[in-house]
Amino acid sequence: MIRDFDLCPDVDMVLRALGADPVVVRRRQSSAVAIAEQAVAKGTGLLAPVVVSASLEVQEFRHERVRLVGGGHLSGPLVAEHLHAARSVVVAVCSIGPALEDAASECFSEDPAMSLALDAFGSAAVDLLGAAMCQRVDEQAEAEGLRTTVPLSPGLVGWPVANGQRQIFQLVDAASAGIRLTEGYMMVPKKSTSMVIGIGPDV
């Protein structure tokens, strides 16, 4: 379990997460900029980033299935495409915690604009957390003279959410960080992401 991430989503990231072009919004002197600034100020102290990860050796690859030492596996067309040459994989579940999500829900009835801005801030924060985790894996692999694949997440083409989430949550103890799956394979807290990265000399 890793907690030493320093996430600093800025106003432009919040605006992009809201689907807006920061340059256009600023040119129009929109009130959205001030709302985004307030969301950054309010949301930063509510972030509690955590990553639960496992580094697992690959035992064999066969029939679109990567068998891992210890008995677990990853399977599907996307897995086969990117992980067939991997010697090991890093499996990770990342979350910014429930506090920001709770704050956005609590203010929705009185200030829906702020609620949406906080939600966008959370989306930007979890994106930064996922990117920071990928960077750590990349740097460690590079130090060992190895390469990494792109991060693979359930829901991408070739890896359905149900299959991917089930496989990932069987490989890491996400519950120890307060992260769980619903019956529909959605993560709680909602501002969470899961991924697999392959490592090896030939990936």
C-alpha atoms as a PDB file:
ATOM      1  CA  MET A   1       0.000   0.000   0.000  1.00  0.00           C
ATOM      2  CA  ILE A   2       1.461   3.337  -1.116  1.00  0.00           C
ATOM      3  CA  ARG A   3       0.268   6.671   0.240  1.00  0.00           C
ATOM      4  CA  ASP A   4       3.106   9.129  -0.410  1.00  0.00           C
ATOM      5  CA  PHE A   5       1.611  10.801  -3.461  1.00  0.00           C
ATOM      6  CA  ASP A   6       1.398  14.593  -3.647  1.00  0.00           C
ATOM      7  CA  LEU A   7      -1.441  15.445  -6.024  1.00  0.00           C
ATOM      8  CA  CYS A   8      -1.949  19.037  -7.155  1.00  0.00           C
ATOM      9  CA  PRO A   9      -4.703  19.306  -9.787  1.00  0.00           C
ATOM     10  CA  ASP A  10      -4.890  22.885 -11.043  1.00  0.00           C
ATOM     11  CA  VAL A  11      -7.732  25.046 -12.320  1.00  0.00           C
ATOM     12  CA  ASP A  12      -7.114  24.182 -15.980  1.00  0.00           C
ATOM     13  CA  MET A  13      -7.322  20.465 -15.181  1.00  0.00           C
ATOM     14  CA  VAL A  14     -10.670  21.007 -13.473  1.00  0.00           C
ATOM     15  CA  LEU A  15     -11.989  22.953 -16.451  1.00  0.00           C
ATOM     16  CA  ARG A  16     -10.876  20.225 -18.862  1.00  0.00           C
ATOM     17  CA  ALA A  17     -12.529  17.585 -16.670  1.00  0.00           C
ATOM     18  CA  LEU A  18     -15.725  19.644 -16.988  1.00  0.00           C
ATOM     19  CA  GLY A  19     -15.381  19.412 -20.762  1.00  0.00           C
ATOM     20  CA  ALA A  20     -14.316  23.032 -21.209  1.00  0.00           C
ATOM     21  CA  ASP A  21     -11.338  24.578 -23.003  1.00  0.00           C
ATOM     22  CA  PRO A  22      -9.467  26.644 -20.376  1.00  0.00           C
ATOM     23  CA  VAL A  23      -8.300  29.183 -22.971  1.00  0.00           C
ATOM     24  CA  VAL A  24     -11.828  29.791 -24.251  1.00  0.00           C
ATOM     25  CA  VAL A  25     -13.302  29.933 -20.751  1.00  0.00           C
ATOM     26  CA  ARG A  26     -10.744  32.510 -19.609  1.00  0.00           C
ATOM     27  CA  ARG A  27     -11.211  34.582 -22.755  1.00  0.00           C
ATOM     28  CA  ARG A  28     -14.934  34.759 -22.065  1.00  0.00           C
ATOM     29  CA  GLN A  29     -14.260  35.709 -18.440  1.00  0.00           C
ATOM     30  CA  SER A  30     -16.638  32.940 -17.410  1.00  0.00           C
ATOM     31  CA  SER A  31     -17.627  32.436 -13.781  1.00  0.00           C
ATOM     32  CA  ALA A  32     -16.524  28.825 -14.278  1.00  0.00           C
ATOM     33  CA  VAL A  33     -12.944  29.904 -13.607  1.00  0.00           C
ATOM     34  CA  ALA A  34     -13.798  31.237 -10.146  1.00  0.00           C
ATOM     35  CA  ILE A  35     -15.826  28.114  -9.352  1.00  0.00           C
ATOM     36  CA  ALA A  36     -12.921  25.905 -10.448  1.00  0.00           C
ATOM     37  CA  GLU A  37     -10.555  27.927  -8.264  1.00  0.00           C
ATOM     38  CA  GLN A  38     -12.852  27.405  -5.280  1.00  0.00           C
ATOM     39  CA  ALA A  39     -13.049  23.692  -6.025  1.00  0.00           C
ATOM     40  CA  VAL A  40      -9.251  23.435  -6.044  1.00  0.00           C
ATOM     41  CA  ALA A  41      -9.017  25.310  -2.744  1.00  0.00           C
ATOM     42  CA  LYS A  42     -11.731  23.213  -1.106  1.00  0.00           C
ATOM     43  CA  GLY A  43     -10.864  19.874  -2.642  1.00  0.00           C
ATOM     44  CA  THR A  44      -7.098  19.736  -2.114  1.00  0.00           C
ATOM     45  CA  GLY A  45      -7.410  19.085   1.618  1.00  0.00           C
ATOM     46  CA  LEU A  46      -9.924  16.295   1.010  1.00  0.00           C
ATOM     47  CA  LEU A  47      -7.599  14.147  -1.081  1.00  0.00           C
ATOM     48  CA  ALA A  48      -6.371  10.928   0.519  1.00  0.00           C
ATOM     49  CA  PRO A  49      -4.499   9.179  -2.318  1.00  0.00           C
ATOM     50  CA  VAL A  50      -3.712   5.515  -1.907  1.00  0.00           C
ATOM     51  CA  VAL A  51      -2.499   2.769  -4.232  1.00  0.00           C
ATOM     52  CA  VAL A  52      -2.680  -0.935  -3.495  1.00  0.00           C
ATOM     53  CA  SER A  53      -0.364  -2.833  -5.818  1.00  0.00           C
ATOM     54  CA  ALA A  54       1.240  -6.203  -6.392  1.00  0.00           C
ATOM     55  CA  SER A  55       4.220  -7.164  -8.548  1.00  0.00           C
ATOM     56  CA  LEU A  56       3.707 -10.682  -9.899  1.00  0.00           C
ATOM     57  CA  GLU A  57       5.905 -12.921 -12.015  1.00  0.00           C
ATOM     58  CA  VAL A  58       4.473 -14.444 -15.192  1.00  0.00           C
ATOM     59  CA  GLN A  59       4.454 -18.241 -15.187  1.00  0.00           C
ATOM     60  CA  GLU A  60       3.254 -18.779 -18.743  1.00  0.00           C
ATOM     61  CA  PHE A  61       1.191 -17.317 -21.559  1.00  0.00           C
ATOM     62  CA  ARG A  62      -1.260 -19.535 -23.383  1.00  0.00           C
ATOM     63  CA  HIS A  63      -4.594 -19.085 -25.188  1.00  0.00           C
ATOM     64  CA  GLU A  64      -4.996 -15.365 -24.387  1.00  0.00           C
ATOM     65  CA  ARG A  65      -4.316 -16.096 -20.718  1.00  0.00           C
ATOM     66  CA  VAL A  66      -1.367 -14.881 -18.652  1.00  0.00           C
ATOM     67  CA  ARG A  67      -0.866 -17.287 -15.753  1.00  0.00           C
ATOM     68  CA  LEU A  68       0.882 -15.729 -12.779  1.00  0.00           C
ATOM     69  CA  VAL A  69       3.109 -17.317 -10.164  1.00  0.00           C
ATOM     70  CA  GLY A  70       0.896 -17.935  -7.162  1.00  0.00           C
ATOM     71  CA  GLY A  71      -2.151 -19.062  -9.109  1.00  0.00           C
ATOM     72  CA  GLY A  72      -3.775 -15.895 -10.419  1.00  0.00           C
ATOM     73  CA  HIS A  73      -4.325 -15.009 -14.043  1.00  0.00           C
ATOM     74  CA  LEU A  74      -5.203 -12.221 -16.481  1.00  0.00           C
ATOM     75  CA  SER A  75      -7.050 -13.010 -19.694  1.00  0.00           C
ATOM     76  CA  GLY A  76      -8.705 -11.441 -22.702  1.00  0.00           C
ATOM     77  CA  PRO A  77      -7.779 -10.172 -26.188  1.00  0.00           C
ATOM     78  CA  LEU A  78      -6.297  -6.893 -24.860  1.00  0.00           C
ATOM     79  CA  VAL A  79      -4.272  -8.779 -22.262  1.00  0.00           C
ATOM     80  CA  ALA A  80      -2.961 -11.135 -24.937  1.00  0.00           C
ATOM     81  CA  GLU A  81      -2.024  -8.263 -27.251  1.00  0.00           C
ATOM     82  CA  HIS A  82       0.044  -6.362 -24.706  1.00  0.00           C
ATOM     83  CA  LEU A  83       1.183  -8.875 -22.084  1.00  0.00           C
ATOM     84  CA  HIS A  84       2.168 -11.951 -24.100  1.00  0.00           C
ATOM     85  CA  ALA A  85       5.883 -11.053 -23.820  1.00  0.00           C
ATOM     86  CA  ALA A  86       5.818  -9.771 -20.237  1.00  0.00           C
ATOM     87  CA  ARG A  87       8.039 -11.381 -17.614  1.00  0.00           C
ATOM     88  CA  SER A  88       6.100  -9.780 -14.770  1.00  0.00           C
ATOM     89  CA  VAL A  89       3.126  -7.499 -14.222  1.00  0.00           C
ATOM     90  CA  VAL A  90       2.263  -4.766 -11.769  1.00  0.00           C
ATOM     91  CA  VAL A  91      -1.396  -4.785 -10.775  1.00  0.00           C
ATOM     92  CA  ALA A  92      -2.660  -1.619  -9.093  1.00  0.00           C
ATOM     93  CA  VAL A  93      -5.870  -0.151  -7.702  1.00  0.00           C
ATOM     94  CA  CYS A  94      -5.705   3.608  -7.075  1.00  0.00           C
ATOM     95  CA  SER A  95      -8.119   5.859  -5.196  1.00  0.00           C
ATOM     96  CA  ILE A  96      -8.297   9.391  -3.795  1.00  0.00           C
ATOM     97  CA  GLY A  97     -10.602   8.255  -0.973  1.00  0.00           C
ATOM     98  CA  PRO A  98     -14.258   9.036  -0.209  1.00  0.00           C
ATOM     99  CA  ALA A  99     -14.030  12.490   1.393  1.00  0.00           C
ATOM    100  CA  LEU A 100     -14.110  14.548  -1.811  1.00  0.00           C
ATOM    101  CA  GLU A 101     -16.967  12.488  -3.221  1.00  0.00           C
ATOM    102  CA  ASP A 102     -18.932  12.981  -0.008  1.00  0.00           C
ATOM    103  CA  ALA A 103     -18.344  16.744  -0.094  1.00  0.00           C
ATOM    104  CA  ALA A 104     -19.551  16.976  -3.694  1.00  0.00           C
ATOM    105  CA  SER A 105     -22.711  15.064  -2.837  1.00  0.00           C
ATOM    106  CA  GLU A 106     -23.427  17.147   0.260  1.00  0.00           C
ATOM    107  CA  CYS A 107     -23.346  20.482  -1.560  1.00  0.00           C
ATOM    108  CA  PHE A 108     -25.251  19.374  -4.667  1.00  0.00           C
ATOM    109  CA  SER A 109     -28.690  20.605  -3.593  1.00  0.00           C
ATOM    110  CA  GLU A 110     -27.474  24.048  -2.472  1.00  0.00           C
ATOM    111  CA  ASP A 111     -24.659  24.636  -4.972  1.00  0.00           C
ATOM    112  CA  PRO A 112     -24.801  22.255  -7.952  1.00  0.00           C
ATOM    113  CA  ALA A 113     -22.094  24.167  -9.826  1.00  0.00           C
ATOM    114  CA  MET A 114     -19.642  23.657  -6.968  1.00  0.00           C
ATOM    115  CA  SER A 115     -20.675  20.019  -6.702  1.00  0.00           C
ATOM    116  CA  LEU A 116     -19.847  19.468 -10.369  1.00  0.00           C
ATOM    117  CA  ALA A 117     -16.564  21.352 -10.013  1.00  0.00           C
ATOM    118  CA  LEU A 118     -15.543  19.210  -7.031  1.00  0.00           C
ATOM    119  CA  ASP A 119     -16.427  16.094  -8.995  1.00  0.00           C
ATOM    120  CA  ALA A 120     -14.257  17.326 -11.874  1.00  0.00           C
ATOM    121  CA  PHE A 121     -11.453  18.078  -9.420  1.00  0.00           C
ATOM    122  CA  GLY A 122     -11.699  14.489  -8.211  1.00  0.00           C
ATOM    123  CA  SER A 123     -11.537  13.153 -11.757  1.00  0.00           C
ATOM    124  CA  ALA A 124      -8.415  15.210 -12.417  1.00  0.00           C
ATOM    125  CA  ALA A 125      -6.870  14.023  -9.149  1.00  0.00           C
ATOM    126  CA  VAL A 126      -7.418  10.326  -9.816  1.00  0.00           C
ATOM    127  CA  ASP A 127      -5.995  10.763 -13.331  1.00  0.00           C
ATOM    128  CA  LEU A 128      -2.885  12.322 -11.794  1.00  0.00           C
ATOM    129  CA  LEU A 129      -2.645   9.484  -9.286  1.00  0.00           C
ATOM    130  CA  GLY A 130      -2.802   6.852 -12.012  1.00  0.00           C
ATOM    131  CA  ALA A 131      -0.161   8.692 -14.024  1.00  0.00           C
ATOM    132  CA  ALA A 132       2.100   9.010 -10.965  1.00  0.00           C
ATOM    133  CA  MET A 133       1.844   5.281 -10.307  1.00  0.00           C
ATOM    134  CA  CYS A 134       2.676   4.507 -13.942  1.00  0.00           C
ATOM    135  CA  GLN A 135       5.705   6.771 -13.717  1.00  0.00           C
ATOM    136  CA  ARG A 136       6.982   4.921 -10.641  1.00  0.00           C
ATOM    137  CA  VAL A 137       6.640   1.586 -12.421  1.00  0.00           C
ATOM    138  CA  ASP A 138       8.341   2.967 -15.533  1.00  0.00           C
ATOM    139  CA  GLU A 139      11.270   4.384 -13.551  1.00  0.00           C
ATOM    140  CA  GLN A 140      11.816   1.153 -11.631  1.00  0.00           C
ATOM    141  CA  ALA A 141      11.697  -0.929 -14.803  1.00  0.00           C
ATOM    142  CA  GLU A 142      14.090   1.429 -16.591  1.00  0.00           C
ATOM    143  CA  ALA A 143      16.539   1.175 -13.686  1.00  0.00           C
ATOM    144  CA  GLU A 144      16.545  -2.587 -14.214  1.00  0.00           C
ATOM    145  CA  GLY A 145      17.026  -2.274 -17.981  1.00  0.00           C
ATOM    146  CA  LEU A 146      13.456  -3.333 -18.714  1.00  0.00           C
ATOM    147  CA  ARG A 147      10.530  -1.863 -20.623  1.00  0.00           C
ATOM    148  CA  THR A 148       6.866  -1.389 -19.732  1.00  0.00           C
ATOM    149  CA  THR A 149       3.596  -1.666 -21.622  1.00  0.00           C
ATOM    150  CA  VAL A 150       0.922   0.976 -21.673  1.00  0.00           C
ATOM    151  CA  PRO A 151      -1.355   0.674 -18.625  1.00  0.00           C
ATOM    152  CA  LEU A 152      -4.315  -1.619 -19.289  1.00  0.00           C
ATOM    153  CA  SER A 153      -7.597  -0.849 -17.535  1.00  0.00           C
ATOM    154  CA  PRO A 154     -10.864  -2.801 -17.485  1.00  0.00           C
ATOM    155  CA  GLY A 155     -13.353  -1.301 -19.904  1.00  0.00           C
ATOM    156  CA  LEU A 156     -10.869  -0.811 -22.741  1.00  0.00           C
ATOM    157  CA  VAL A 157     -11.716  -2.621 -25.970  1.00  0.00           C
ATOM    158  CA  GLY A 158     -10.818  -6.278 -25.564  1.00  0.00           C
ATOM    159  CA  TRP A 159     -11.066  -6.321 -21.774  1.00  0.00           C
ATOM    160  CA  PRO A 160     -14.652  -6.005 -20.494  1.00  0.00           C
ATOM    161  CA  VAL A 161     -15.148  -4.274 -17.144  1.00  0.00           C
ATOM    162  CA  ALA A 162     -16.596  -7.337 -15.410  1.00  0.00           C
ATOM    163  CA  ASN A 163     -13.753  -9.628 -16.469  1.00  0.00           C
ATOM    164  CA  GLY A 164     -10.976  -7.144 -15.859  1.00  0.00           C
ATOM    165  CA  GLN A 165     -12.170  -5.897 -12.477  1.00  0.00           C
ATOM    166  CA  ARG A 166     -12.785  -9.413 -11.215  1.00  0.00           C
ATOM    167  CA  GLN A 167      -9.283 -10.478 -12.227  1.00  0.00           C
ATOM    168  CA  ILE A 168      -7.567  -7.416 -10.742  1.00  0.00           C
ATOM    169  CA  PHE A 169      -9.427  -7.499  -7.419  1.00  0.00           C
ATOM    170  CA  GLN A 170      -8.501 -11.167  -7.012  1.00  0.00           C
ATOM    171  CA  LEU A 171      -4.829 -10.212  -7.249  1.00  0.00           C
ATOM    172  CA  VAL A 172      -4.660  -7.254  -4.835  1.00  0.00           C
ATOM    173  CA  ASP A 173      -6.173  -6.615  -1.421  1.00  0.00           C
ATOM    174  CA  ALA A 174      -8.000  -3.430  -2.370  1.00  0.00           C
ATOM    175  CA  ALA A 175     -10.340  -3.800   0.613  1.00  0.00           C
ATOM    176  CA  SER A 176      -7.403  -3.035   2.918  1.00  0.00           C
ATOM    177  CA  ALA A 177      -7.477   0.509   1.497  1.00  0.00           C
ATOM    178  CA  GLY A 178     -11.252   0.787   1.675  1.00  0.00           C
ATOM    179  CA  ILE A 179     -11.821   0.128  -2.032  1.00  0.00           C
ATOM    180  CA  ARG A 180     -14.495  -2.355  -3.067  1.00  0.00           C
ATOM    181  CA  LEU A 181     -16.453  -3.502  -6.097  1.00  0.00           C
ATOM    182  CA  THR A 182     -20.218  -3.278  -6.443  1.00  0.00           C
ATOM    183  CA  GLU A 183     -22.237  -6.122  -7.941  1.00  0.00           C
ATOM    184  CA  GLY A 184     -21.979  -4.233 -11.230  1.00  0.00           C
ATOM    185  CA  TYR A 185     -18.160  -4.158 -10.952  1.00  0.00           C
ATOM    186  CA  MET A 186     -17.952  -0.428 -10.317  1.00  0.00           C
ATOM    187  CA  MET A 187     -15.391   0.747  -7.784  1.00  0.00           C
ATOM    188  CA  VAL A 188     -16.286   2.476  -4.518  1.00  0.00           C
ATOM    189  CA  PRO A 189     -15.096   5.188  -3.895  1.00  0.00           C
ATOM    190  CA  LYS A 190     -16.047   6.212  -7.424  1.00  0.00           C
ATOM    191  CA  LYS A 191     -12.887   8.261  -7.892  1.00  0.00           C
ATOM    192  CA  SER A 192     -10.749   5.154  -8.266  1.00  0.00           C
ATOM    193  CA  THR A 193      -8.973   3.483 -11.134  1.00  0.00           C
ATOM    194  CA  SER A 194      -7.419   0.070 -11.719  1.00  0.00           C
ATOM    195  CA  MET A 195      -4.677  -1.003 -14.082  1.00  0.00           C
ATOM    196  CA  VAL A 196      -2.160  -3.625 -15.114  1.00  0.00           C
ATOM    197  CA  ILE A 197       1.287  -2.854 -16.513  1.00  0.00           C
ATOM    198  CA  GLY A 198       3.462  -5.478 -18.167  1.00  0.00           C
ATOM    199  CA  ILE A 199       7.232  -5.481 -17.641  1.00  0.00           C
ATOM    200  CA  GLY A 200       9.985  -7.212 -19.599  1.00  0.00           C
ATOM    201  CA  PRO A 201      12.806  -6.710 -22.096  1.00  0.00           C
ATOM    202  CA  ASP A 202      10.607  -7.357 -25.127  1.00  0.00           C
ATOM    203  CA  VAL A 203       7.210  -5.845 -24.318  1.00  0.00           C
END
